[in-house]
């Protein structure tokens, strides 16, 4: 189904075929199995994969695409041209965002005389709106994420330090049959003011101290990612800290109310940014991002975004308030733009400020 969308767009733009090279996330999207050398999608004709002999059996078991050619010719050019025919290929679609200079030179040798056209926007547009099957998988992934976070919250007061807490998340993700969509973040007290704090890479583990504790993690389930953030409080928060927390929550709720089909994400982001300015602060990062087989993908949700709200999108909304060297607060949920154009939560863990006594 997704391949057919691509084939129709290639035909419409008079692109003879598209080529995706190893490590391109579009291979995983269109094929479900990414450990191949090349994916070739003709506008007319059969789609095929190029695999090494080493990975052929795995590719046969895991790929949606059943036509798999093993690289056994003298070189790649002979193999591909034997499959596609030896006439000048015309326009060849490539994902320029994923093609290195060396790979581009290789493609020029294989498809001598071809005109190369960037199809990254075509692929992004196809991937923006999720199918019912994709939504079902992401919904299940979010349920797993909520369950792991509930387990974590019950134990947060007992963790020795951030590294131990982050390792707990990592281990629970694996126990659930998933993998982390990114390395878990547990940022306590002053560390919470750093949006991308890395507890698992710190030489010296930081103790979980009094104050806010930002917990940001996600799972990858059947190829699809989740991303959730909650901010807990260890000890007794001041009135200012409580007010700061509920300001961030208000911003998230407002952003979600503004989501309607056709609304520009830049307009939503600018509106929330103005709220931050009136509060005497500013956002250090984008308001959100799309989610799919990659943790960050289209649509872009920022003040400079050219994307607009469309039904079937799955996005994360994550306003954050940070005071350098003091503390930070971030709240993030995964959200589906449903068939009516409304924002529906896929993650459901409570956003009421949870206060925990350290033991």
Foldseek 3Di string as FASTA:
>chain_A
DLLLLVLVVCVVVVAQKEKEAAPDVVCCVQWVDRQFGMWIRGNDDATETEHAPVCVVVSCVGTPRNHYHHPDDPDPLVVVCVVVPPDQREEYEYAVVPADPVNVVVVCVSRPPYHYDYCNVVSQVSPQFDDPVQVVQVLVQLVLVQVLVVVLVVCVLPDFFFQSSQVSSQVSLVVVVWGWLDRKDKAAWLRQLDVPDHQNPDPDTGGHDFAKIKIWTWTQTSLWIFIWIAIAGEDDDDPVNLVVLVLQVVLQVQLQVPFFFPAALLVSQVVSQVSQVVVVHGFPDFQWAFTTSHRHGDDGRHNPGPDGHDARGKMKGKTKDHDRSGHIGIGIFIWGLHPRRHTDTSHDHDRDHHYHYRD
